[in-house]
Amino acid sequence: MATTIANDSTSNATRHYVRITGRRGRFIEFDYSIGSPELAVELIMPEAAFTEFCAEHHAVQLTPEECARIDRERAEWRRKQVDTGDD
C-alpha cells in the first residue's frame, strides 16, 4: 500500500494518507491526513475498521522514509519555536 508522496506544496488535495503509529491489542493507532501528510489527526480503530477506513478513503500508507522526513521537519519547526520563543 506504500506510495511515494510529493515533497512540496503541489500534493494532491484529495489524496488521503495514513501513518501507523502504534498498536494497542486489537486497535491500530494512526495519523490520518488529507492533501498533505504534514498536518494530521490522530485516530485509533479496531484493525478491521482501519482496513475498511483505508479502503473507503483510498488512503496511501506513508513509507518509513516519508515518515522520517516528516519527523525531521516537525523537529526542526519545534526547535525554531524554542529558539525564537514563539508558540
Foldseek 3Di string as FASTA:
>chain_A
DADDFDPDQPFDQLAKAWEFDDDDVQKTWIWIDGRDSLDTDIDIDGPVVVVVVCVVSVYHYYDPVRVVVSVVVVVVVVVVCVVVVHD
